[in-house]
N, C-alpha and C. Protein backbone atom coordinates (compact mmCIF):
# COMPACT_ATOMS: atom_id res chain seq x y z
N MET A 1 131.24 161.78 70.89
CA MET A 1 131.54 160.75 72.26
C MET A 1 130.25 159.96 72.31
N SER A 2 130.72 158.43 72.86
CA SER A 2 129.94 157.46 73.14
C SER A 2 129.49 158.20 74.43
N SER A 3 128.09 158.44 74.72
CA SER A 3 127.55 158.92 76.30
C SER A 3 127.41 157.61 77.06
N ALA A 4 127.72 156.39 76.68
CA ALA A 4 127.67 155.25 77.46
C ALA A 4 128.89 155.27 78.13
N HIS A 5 129.09 155.23 79.45
CA HIS A 5 130.31 154.91 80.20
C HIS A 5 131.49 155.94 79.96
N PRO A 6 130.90 156.96 79.99
CA PRO A 6 132.26 158.12 79.62
C PRO A 6 133.15 157.68 80.89
N ALA A 7 134.55 158.10 80.57
CA ALA A 7 135.77 158.25 81.57
C ALA A 7 136.18 159.67 81.94
N LEU A 8 136.18 160.01 83.32
CA LEU A 8 136.52 161.03 83.75
C LEU A 8 137.75 161.15 83.60
N VAL A 9 138.53 162.36 82.98
CA VAL A 9 139.92 162.40 82.78
C VAL A 9 140.75 163.45 83.91
N LEU A 10 141.74 162.94 84.29
CA LEU A 10 142.14 163.78 85.55
C LEU A 10 143.90 164.21 84.97
N ASN A 11 144.04 165.43 85.67
CA ASN A 11 145.62 165.37 85.20
C ASN A 11 146.36 164.81 86.33
N ALA A 12 147.90 164.60 86.39
CA ALA A 12 148.53 163.73 86.75
C ALA A 12 148.72 164.13 88.54
N ASP A 13 148.27 165.17 88.93
CA ASP A 13 148.05 165.18 90.23
C ASP A 13 146.49 164.95 90.85
N PHE A 14 145.88 164.27 89.75
CA PHE A 14 144.45 163.92 89.99
C PHE A 14 143.44 164.71 90.08
N GLN A 15 143.51 165.94 89.50
CA GLN A 15 142.77 167.00 89.81
C GLN A 15 141.87 166.91 88.33
N PRO A 16 140.78 167.10 88.21
CA PRO A 16 140.17 167.24 86.88
C PRO A 16 140.82 168.21 85.72
N LEU A 17 141.19 168.07 84.47
CA LEU A 17 141.26 168.70 83.75
C LEU A 17 140.71 169.93 83.46
N SER A 18 139.37 169.80 83.70
CA SER A 18 138.38 170.85 83.37
C SER A 18 136.93 170.39 84.27
N HIS A 19 136.41 171.43 84.80
CA HIS A 19 135.03 171.20 85.32
C HIS A 19 133.90 171.42 84.61
N PHE A 20 133.72 172.25 83.90
CA PHE A 20 132.74 172.93 82.93
C PHE A 20 133.27 173.18 81.93
N PRO A 21 133.18 172.81 80.71
CA PRO A 21 132.63 171.19 80.54
C PRO A 21 133.64 170.41 81.40
N LEU A 22 132.97 169.55 82.21
CA LEU A 22 133.55 168.07 82.77
C LEU A 22 134.46 167.40 81.50
N SER A 23 135.69 167.06 82.15
CA SER A 23 136.54 166.50 81.20
C SER A 23 136.43 165.13 80.86
N LEU A 24 135.51 164.72 79.72
CA LEU A 24 135.03 163.31 79.92
C LEU A 24 135.75 162.93 78.45
N VAL A 25 135.86 161.62 78.34
CA VAL A 25 136.23 160.74 77.10
C VAL A 25 135.36 159.58 77.14
N SER A 26 135.09 158.98 75.70
CA SER A 26 134.40 158.01 75.77
C SER A 26 135.16 156.92 75.92
N TRP A 27 134.70 155.87 76.62
CA TRP A 27 135.27 154.26 77.16
C TRP A 27 136.24 154.25 76.12
N GLU A 28 135.79 154.16 74.62
CA GLU A 28 136.66 153.90 73.63
C GLU A 28 138.18 154.47 73.66
N GLU A 29 137.73 155.98 73.84
CA GLU A 29 139.25 156.87 73.63
C GLU A 29 140.15 156.44 75.23
N ALA A 30 139.44 156.23 76.16
CA ALA A 30 139.88 155.84 77.64
C ALA A 30 140.84 154.62 77.18
N VAL A 31 140.19 153.47 76.62
CA VAL A 31 140.95 152.63 76.33
C VAL A 31 142.16 152.59 75.56
N ARG A 32 141.89 153.19 74.47
CA ARG A 32 143.26 153.53 73.65
C ARG A 32 144.33 154.28 74.20
N SER A 33 143.95 155.25 75.04
CA SER A 33 144.86 156.19 76.14
C SER A 33 145.57 155.43 76.90
N VAL A 34 144.84 154.16 77.74
CA VAL A 34 145.68 153.50 78.64
C VAL A 34 146.68 152.40 77.89
N VAL A 35 146.02 151.74 76.62
CA VAL A 35 146.79 150.92 76.00
C VAL A 35 148.33 151.54 75.42
N LYS A 36 147.90 153.09 74.96
CA LYS A 36 149.08 153.78 74.44
C LYS A 36 150.11 154.13 75.65
N GLY A 37 149.74 154.14 76.88
CA GLY A 37 150.80 154.49 77.91
C GLY A 37 150.70 155.59 78.48
N THR A 38 149.56 156.56 77.75
CA THR A 38 149.40 158.15 78.09
C THR A 38 148.82 158.20 79.51
N HIS A 39 147.84 157.42 79.35
CA HIS A 39 147.09 157.43 80.99
C HIS A 39 147.13 156.06 81.87
N VAL A 40 146.67 156.10 82.84
CA VAL A 40 146.72 155.12 83.87
C VAL A 40 145.23 155.16 84.31
N VAL A 41 144.61 153.85 84.74
CA VAL A 41 143.32 153.60 85.23
C VAL A 41 143.08 153.92 86.88
N VAL A 42 142.47 154.82 87.20
CA VAL A 42 142.09 154.82 88.57
C VAL A 42 141.10 154.48 89.16
N ALA A 43 139.82 154.11 88.39
CA ALA A 43 138.86 153.52 88.76
C ALA A 43 138.23 152.85 87.56
N GLU A 44 137.42 151.87 87.82
CA GLU A 44 136.82 151.27 86.45
C GLU A 44 135.04 151.12 86.96
N TYR A 45 134.29 150.54 85.50
CA TYR A 45 133.09 150.27 85.67
C TYR A 45 132.88 148.96 85.78
N ASP A 46 131.90 148.32 86.13
CA ASP A 46 131.74 146.58 86.24
C ASP A 46 131.73 145.92 84.89
N GLN A 47 131.49 146.90 83.89
CA GLN A 47 131.21 146.07 82.52
C GLN A 47 132.83 145.94 81.78
N VAL A 48 132.87 145.00 81.03
CA VAL A 48 134.06 144.44 80.56
C VAL A 48 134.41 144.76 79.11
N VAL A 49 135.26 145.04 78.59
CA VAL A 49 135.48 144.71 77.04
C VAL A 49 136.33 144.04 76.80
N ARG A 50 136.35 143.59 75.37
CA ARG A 50 137.10 142.26 75.13
C ARG A 50 137.66 142.60 73.85
N SER A 51 138.74 142.01 73.56
CA SER A 51 139.42 142.01 72.47
C SER A 51 140.01 140.49 72.27
N PRO A 52 140.53 140.25 70.96
CA PRO A 52 140.65 138.75 70.78
C PRO A 52 141.84 137.98 71.66
N SER A 53 142.43 139.32 72.41
CA SER A 53 143.59 138.87 73.34
C SER A 53 143.51 139.40 74.65
N VAL A 54 142.79 140.10 74.99
CA VAL A 54 142.51 141.05 76.35
C VAL A 54 141.34 141.18 76.64
N VAL A 55 141.00 141.13 77.89
CA VAL A 55 139.74 141.27 78.37
C VAL A 55 140.16 142.19 79.45
N MET A 56 139.33 143.46 79.80
CA MET A 56 139.36 144.53 80.83
C MET A 56 138.26 145.37 80.91
N ARG A 57 138.16 145.99 82.42
CA ARG A 57 137.10 146.30 82.91
C ARG A 57 137.26 147.88 82.11
N MET A 58 136.04 148.45 81.99
CA MET A 58 136.06 149.66 81.23
C MET A 58 136.46 150.69 82.30
N PRO A 59 137.20 151.48 81.85
CA PRO A 59 137.81 152.80 82.58
C PRO A 59 137.01 153.56 83.04
N SER A 60 136.53 154.15 84.00
CA SER A 60 135.61 155.07 84.73
C SER A 60 136.32 156.36 84.65
N VAL A 61 137.63 156.19 85.49
CA VAL A 61 138.45 157.28 85.61
C VAL A 61 139.87 157.26 85.19
N ILE A 62 140.26 158.04 84.64
CA ILE A 62 141.99 157.68 83.96
C ILE A 62 142.45 159.27 84.26
N ALA A 63 143.69 158.96 84.40
CA ALA A 63 144.97 160.41 84.91
C ALA A 63 145.89 159.96 83.74
N LEU A 64 146.19 161.32 83.22
CA LEU A 64 147.34 161.36 82.62
C LEU A 64 148.70 161.00 83.26
N ARG A 65 149.67 160.40 82.84
CA ARG A 65 151.04 159.95 83.19
C ARG A 65 151.72 160.90 83.51
N GLU A 66 151.84 162.45 82.77
CA GLU A 66 152.72 163.62 82.70
C GLU A 66 151.69 164.89 83.02
N TYR A 67 151.82 165.58 84.13
CA TYR A 67 151.20 166.70 84.37
C TYR A 67 151.25 167.73 83.33
N VAL A 68 150.01 168.31 83.04
CA VAL A 68 149.70 169.08 82.16
C VAL A 68 149.66 170.51 82.82
N ARG A 69 150.37 171.38 82.39
CA ARG A 69 149.96 173.06 83.23
C ARG A 69 148.56 173.42 82.83
N PRO A 70 148.00 173.45 83.77
CA PRO A 70 146.86 174.30 83.69
C PRO A 70 146.80 175.65 82.82
N PRO A 71 145.88 176.29 82.07
CA PRO A 71 146.38 177.64 81.86
C PRO A 71 146.33 178.74 82.63
N THR A 72 146.81 179.73 82.56
CA THR A 72 147.07 180.93 83.82
C THR A 72 145.81 181.98 83.36
N ARG A 73 145.39 182.14 82.41
CA ARG A 73 144.28 182.98 82.14
C ARG A 73 143.07 182.26 81.67
N VAL A 74 141.87 182.80 82.05
CA VAL A 74 140.66 182.13 81.39
C VAL A 74 140.31 182.60 80.06
N ALA A 75 139.90 181.66 79.26
CA ALA A 75 139.55 182.18 77.65
C ALA A 75 138.51 182.85 77.33
N PHE A 76 138.47 184.16 76.76
CA PHE A 76 137.11 185.09 76.60
C PHE A 76 136.37 184.35 75.77
N THR A 77 135.48 183.52 75.94
CA THR A 77 134.13 182.90 75.23
C THR A 77 132.83 183.26 75.60
N ARG A 78 131.87 183.11 74.79
CA ARG A 78 130.34 183.39 75.14
C ARG A 78 130.52 182.70 76.45
N PHE A 79 130.54 181.17 76.45
CA PHE A 79 129.89 180.42 77.68
C PHE A 79 130.38 181.08 78.75
N ASN A 80 132.11 181.19 78.62
CA ASN A 80 132.81 181.72 79.96
C ASN A 80 132.30 182.79 80.48
N VAL A 81 131.85 184.14 79.68
CA VAL A 81 131.08 185.11 80.26
C VAL A 81 129.81 184.76 80.98
N PHE A 82 129.19 183.92 80.25
CA PHE A 82 127.85 183.59 81.13
C PHE A 82 128.31 182.62 82.52
N LEU A 83 129.33 182.19 82.25
CA LEU A 83 129.51 181.39 83.43
C LEU A 83 130.12 182.07 84.62
N ARG A 84 130.92 183.16 84.15
CA ARG A 84 131.14 184.17 85.03
C ARG A 84 130.34 184.75 85.96
N ASP A 85 129.23 185.29 85.05
CA ASP A 85 128.19 185.98 85.56
C ASP A 85 126.68 184.83 86.22
N ARG A 86 127.19 183.51 86.34
CA ARG A 86 126.42 182.67 87.03
C ARG A 86 125.21 182.26 86.20
N PHE A 87 125.16 182.53 84.86
CA PHE A 87 123.72 182.29 83.98
C PHE A 87 122.58 183.26 84.45
N ARG A 88 122.98 184.64 85.13
CA ARG A 88 122.33 185.54 85.47
C ARG A 88 121.99 186.80 84.25
N CYS A 89 121.25 187.10 84.24
CA CYS A 89 121.18 188.56 83.49
C CYS A 89 121.73 189.64 84.81
N GLN A 90 122.61 190.61 83.84
CA GLN A 90 123.28 191.37 85.08
C GLN A 90 122.67 192.65 84.82
N TYR A 91 121.44 192.80 84.24
CA TYR A 91 120.50 194.12 84.34
C TYR A 91 119.42 193.75 85.80
N CYS A 92 118.57 192.79 85.29
CA CYS A 92 117.69 192.35 86.24
C CYS A 92 117.73 191.37 87.25
N GLY A 93 118.91 190.37 86.95
CA GLY A 93 119.32 189.51 88.05
C GLY A 93 118.55 188.31 88.03
N ASP A 94 117.89 187.92 87.14
CA ASP A 94 117.20 186.60 86.99
C ASP A 94 117.85 185.58 86.23
N GLN A 95 118.01 184.25 86.78
CA GLN A 95 118.84 183.25 86.33
C GLN A 95 118.31 182.93 84.90
N HIS A 96 119.04 182.34 84.09
CA HIS A 96 118.37 181.85 82.78
C HIS A 96 119.04 180.55 82.35
N LEU A 97 118.54 179.83 81.44
CA LEU A 97 119.41 178.75 80.69
C LEU A 97 120.43 179.31 79.65
N ARG A 98 120.99 178.83 79.12
CA ARG A 98 122.02 179.17 78.65
C ARG A 98 121.69 180.09 77.39
N GLY A 99 120.75 179.15 76.68
CA GLY A 99 119.96 179.83 75.37
C GLY A 99 119.19 180.81 75.26
N GLU A 100 119.01 181.16 76.68
CA GLU A 100 118.11 182.75 76.92
C GLU A 100 118.70 183.69 77.14
N LEU A 101 119.67 183.65 76.94
CA LEU A 101 121.09 184.77 77.57
C LEU A 101 121.58 185.29 76.27
N THR A 102 122.03 186.42 76.12
CA THR A 102 122.58 187.00 74.83
C THR A 102 123.80 187.56 75.70
N PHE A 103 124.90 188.09 74.64
CA PHE A 103 126.36 188.62 75.33
C PHE A 103 126.05 190.12 74.78
N ASP A 104 126.00 190.94 75.72
CA ASP A 104 126.02 192.54 75.86
C ASP A 104 127.05 193.11 76.16
N HIS A 105 127.17 193.97 75.19
CA HIS A 105 128.11 195.02 75.33
C HIS A 105 127.58 196.32 76.08
N VAL A 106 128.25 196.39 77.40
CA VAL A 106 127.76 197.38 78.23
C VAL A 106 127.86 198.59 77.63
N ILE A 107 129.07 198.92 77.27
CA ILE A 107 129.17 200.51 76.25
C ILE A 107 129.19 199.96 74.50
N PRO A 108 127.93 200.25 73.97
CA PRO A 108 127.90 199.84 72.69
C PRO A 108 129.09 199.98 71.57
N ARG A 109 129.17 198.91 70.87
CA ARG A 109 130.22 199.08 69.98
C ARG A 109 130.33 200.33 69.05
N ALA A 110 128.95 200.56 68.80
CA ALA A 110 128.59 202.07 68.09
C ALA A 110 129.15 203.30 68.75
N ASP A 111 128.85 202.95 70.12
CA ASP A 111 129.97 203.93 71.19
C ASP A 111 131.45 203.96 71.47
N GLY A 112 132.11 203.01 70.44
CA GLY A 112 133.36 202.60 70.88
C GLY A 112 133.84 201.51 72.06
N GLY A 113 132.67 200.99 72.56
CA GLY A 113 133.01 199.83 73.29
C GLY A 113 133.46 198.80 72.53
N LEU A 114 134.56 198.19 73.34
CA LEU A 114 135.15 196.78 72.89
C LEU A 114 134.51 195.69 73.65
N THR A 115 134.97 194.25 72.69
CA THR A 115 134.36 193.16 73.07
C THR A 115 135.34 192.53 73.54
N CYS A 116 135.47 192.78 75.11
CA CYS A 116 136.44 191.84 75.94
C CYS A 116 135.54 192.18 77.25
N TRP A 117 136.45 191.40 78.42
CA TRP A 117 135.88 191.06 79.52
C TRP A 117 135.41 192.10 80.45
N GLU A 118 135.91 193.35 80.16
CA GLU A 118 135.49 194.31 80.79
C GLU A 118 134.48 195.36 80.33
N ASN A 119 133.80 194.58 79.21
CA ASN A 119 132.90 195.37 78.63
C ASN A 119 131.40 194.38 78.15
N ILE A 120 131.81 193.21 78.28
CA ILE A 120 130.66 192.32 78.09
C ILE A 120 130.13 191.63 79.50
N VAL A 121 128.35 191.67 79.35
CA VAL A 121 128.12 190.85 80.41
C VAL A 121 127.00 189.98 79.80
N ALA A 122 126.51 189.18 80.51
CA ALA A 122 125.34 188.24 80.18
C ALA A 122 123.98 189.12 80.52
N ALA A 123 122.99 188.96 79.68
CA ALA A 123 121.73 189.64 79.70
C ALA A 123 120.72 188.99 79.12
N CYS A 124 119.59 189.12 79.53
CA CYS A 124 118.33 188.37 78.91
C CYS A 124 117.86 189.23 77.82
N SER A 125 117.22 188.98 77.00
CA SER A 125 116.72 189.69 75.53
C SER A 125 116.00 190.93 76.03
N PRO A 126 115.14 190.81 76.97
CA PRO A 126 114.60 192.14 77.19
C PRO A 126 115.05 192.68 77.76
N CYS A 127 116.17 192.82 78.39
CA CYS A 127 116.74 193.86 79.28
C CYS A 127 117.66 194.34 78.27
N ASN A 128 118.27 193.43 77.42
CA ASN A 128 119.37 193.89 76.72
C ASN A 128 118.92 194.77 75.75
N THR A 129 117.42 194.72 74.99
CA THR A 129 116.43 195.84 74.34
C THR A 129 116.63 197.16 74.99
N LYS A 130 116.30 196.84 76.32
CA LYS A 130 115.61 198.19 77.32
C LYS A 130 116.62 198.95 77.61
N LYS A 131 117.97 198.32 77.80
CA LYS A 131 118.99 199.02 78.73
C LYS A 131 119.39 200.31 78.20
N ASP A 132 119.63 200.48 77.29
CA ASP A 132 120.10 201.48 76.62
C ASP A 132 119.26 202.72 76.54
N ARG A 133 117.96 202.27 76.31
CA ARG A 133 116.93 203.25 76.30
C ARG A 133 116.48 204.13 78.11
N LEU A 134 116.62 202.88 78.75
CA LEU A 134 116.28 203.44 80.22
C LEU A 134 117.85 203.66 80.89
N ARG A 135 119.09 203.39 80.24
CA ARG A 135 120.07 203.86 80.96
C ARG A 135 120.26 203.05 82.30
N ILE A 136 120.02 201.53 82.14
CA ILE A 136 120.32 200.90 83.44
C ILE A 136 121.65 199.98 83.20
N LYS A 137 122.10 200.09 84.31
CA LYS A 137 123.69 199.94 84.64
C LYS A 137 123.62 198.11 84.95
N PRO A 138 124.87 197.82 84.60
CA PRO A 138 124.80 196.18 84.91
C PRO A 138 124.91 196.09 86.93
N LEU A 139 124.60 195.12 86.98
CA LEU A 139 124.40 194.80 88.59
C LEU A 139 125.94 194.95 89.26
N ARG A 140 126.65 194.15 88.35
CA ARG A 140 128.10 194.16 88.72
C ARG A 140 128.84 194.83 87.51
N ILE A 141 130.17 195.26 88.25
CA ILE A 141 130.97 195.74 86.83
C ILE A 141 131.63 194.63 86.35
N PRO A 142 131.65 194.57 84.91
CA PRO A 142 132.29 193.47 84.34
C PRO A 142 133.82 193.48 84.47
N ARG A 143 134.73 192.23 84.71
CA ARG A 143 135.95 192.05 84.69
C ARG A 143 136.25 190.63 84.32
N GLU A 144 137.41 190.35 83.89
CA GLU A 144 138.23 189.07 83.52
C GLU A 144 138.11 188.47 84.87
N PRO A 145 137.60 187.06 85.03
CA PRO A 145 137.85 186.33 86.14
C PRO A 145 139.03 185.71 86.19
N THR A 146 139.59 185.08 87.43
CA THR A 146 140.50 184.25 87.56
C THR A 146 140.40 183.04 86.97
N VAL A 147 141.38 182.11 86.89
CA VAL A 147 140.86 180.63 86.69
C VAL A 147 140.44 180.27 87.85
N HIS A 148 140.65 180.27 89.09
CA HIS A 148 140.16 179.84 90.52
C HIS A 148 138.79 180.32 90.36
N GLU A 149 138.19 181.70 90.21
CA GLU A 149 136.82 182.20 90.02
C GLU A 149 136.11 181.37 89.46
N LEU A 150 136.63 181.13 88.07
CA LEU A 150 135.72 180.46 87.05
C LEU A 150 135.65 178.94 87.55
N ALA A 151 136.90 178.58 87.89
CA ALA A 151 136.75 177.12 88.45
C ALA A 151 135.56 176.92 89.71
N ALA A 152 135.56 178.07 90.39
CA ALA A 152 134.54 178.02 91.49
C ALA A 152 133.14 178.30 91.03
N ALA A 153 132.86 178.76 89.92
CA ALA A 153 131.54 179.25 89.58
C ALA A 153 131.09 177.70 88.92
N GLN A 154 132.38 177.06 87.96
CA GLN A 154 132.10 175.70 87.51
C GLN A 154 131.29 174.82 88.60
N ARG A 155 131.64 174.91 89.81
CA ARG A 155 131.34 173.84 90.46
C ARG A 155 129.81 174.17 90.90
N LEU A 156 129.31 175.33 90.78
CA LEU A 156 127.91 175.80 91.01
C LEU A 156 127.10 174.96 89.97
N PHE A 157 127.06 174.22 89.30
CA PHE A 157 126.49 173.57 88.03
C PHE A 157 127.11 172.35 87.68
N PRO A 158 126.69 171.51 88.49
CA PRO A 158 126.96 169.91 87.91
C PRO A 158 126.40 169.58 86.92
N PRO A 159 127.21 168.58 85.97
CA PRO A 159 126.79 167.90 85.04
C PRO A 159 125.51 166.81 85.25
N ASN A 160 124.87 166.80 84.04
CA ASN A 160 123.62 165.69 84.54
C ASN A 160 123.89 164.39 84.85
N PHE A 161 125.22 163.77 84.48
CA PHE A 161 125.70 162.77 84.99
C PHE A 161 127.10 162.90 85.74
N LEU A 162 126.90 162.04 86.79
CA LEU A 162 128.21 161.98 87.95
C LEU A 162 128.11 160.58 88.13
N HIS A 163 128.99 159.52 88.06
CA HIS A 163 129.38 158.36 88.46
C HIS A 163 129.76 158.25 89.50
N GLU A 164 129.21 157.46 90.51
CA GLU A 164 130.05 157.07 92.00
C GLU A 164 131.48 157.06 91.66
N THR A 165 131.98 156.52 91.16
CA THR A 165 133.38 156.40 91.03
C THR A 165 134.30 157.76 90.89
N TRP A 166 133.34 158.85 90.53
CA TRP A 166 134.24 160.12 90.12
C TRP A 166 134.29 160.88 91.76
N ARG A 167 133.25 160.34 92.31
CA ARG A 167 132.92 161.26 93.83
C ARG A 167 134.14 161.91 94.69
N ASP A 168 135.49 161.13 94.51
CA ASP A 168 136.52 161.68 95.14
C ASP A 168 137.55 162.61 94.65
N PHE A 169 136.98 163.00 93.07
CA PHE A 169 137.81 163.89 92.36
C PHE A 169 137.08 165.06 92.23
N LEU A 170 135.78 165.10 92.45
CA LEU A 170 134.88 166.25 92.23
C LEU A 170 134.25 166.78 92.98
N TRP A 171 133.99 168.30 93.01
CA TRP A 171 133.53 169.04 94.41
C TRP A 171 132.23 169.51 94.13
N TRP A 172 131.28 168.94 93.49
CA TRP A 172 129.76 169.60 93.36
C TRP A 172 129.19 168.86 94.90
N ASP A 173 128.70 170.08 95.50
CA ASP A 173 127.71 169.53 96.37
C ASP A 173 126.28 169.04 96.51
N VAL A 174 126.22 167.93 95.67
CA VAL A 174 125.11 167.11 95.20
C VAL A 174 125.38 165.80 95.33
N GLU A 175 123.89 164.82 95.87
CA GLU A 175 124.23 163.65 95.88
C GLU A 175 124.39 163.00 94.58
N LEU A 176 125.14 161.74 94.45
CA LEU A 176 125.40 161.46 92.92
C LEU A 176 124.03 160.21 93.08
N GLU A 177 123.69 160.03 91.72
CA GLU A 177 122.77 159.26 91.30
C GLU A 177 123.45 157.67 91.64
N PRO A 178 122.75 156.76 92.13
CA PRO A 178 123.20 155.18 92.26
C PRO A 178 123.45 154.82 90.82
């Protein structure tokens, strides 16, 4: 995706399709969607794009014309486990960057542990290697998060770039850059 002038994508109810990762498309894809008629422009950048027959301002926020029902369950992914656990090791409690965490089976697979929400936690490498030897238990019992719980967790980690025209559609408690 072109990183210059991304467009925030909203559902027909003007809610973001996703908070983390934030639902963004390139300005080219936004223009194509508007021209095709599947999306409407909600807000624009000051910059314009030109074709031989049309001049239009680049969309900064677009919305679907038809409502797309959000998922009722959260996908079981490594990233969503880290997000559920707020990027904190569930043994020592320290917060880490995404690349510093591992996907840990509370009950090891060798002992019959399953790879599921209820048996997987985020762990830093030092804790992951010593937890079995020291019989350390996770700080929180792992469980499947609801869509609303994961959305609340997503809002704790704003993306690096937030355009001022997105302010009315996002709920991060941070000041937007000019």
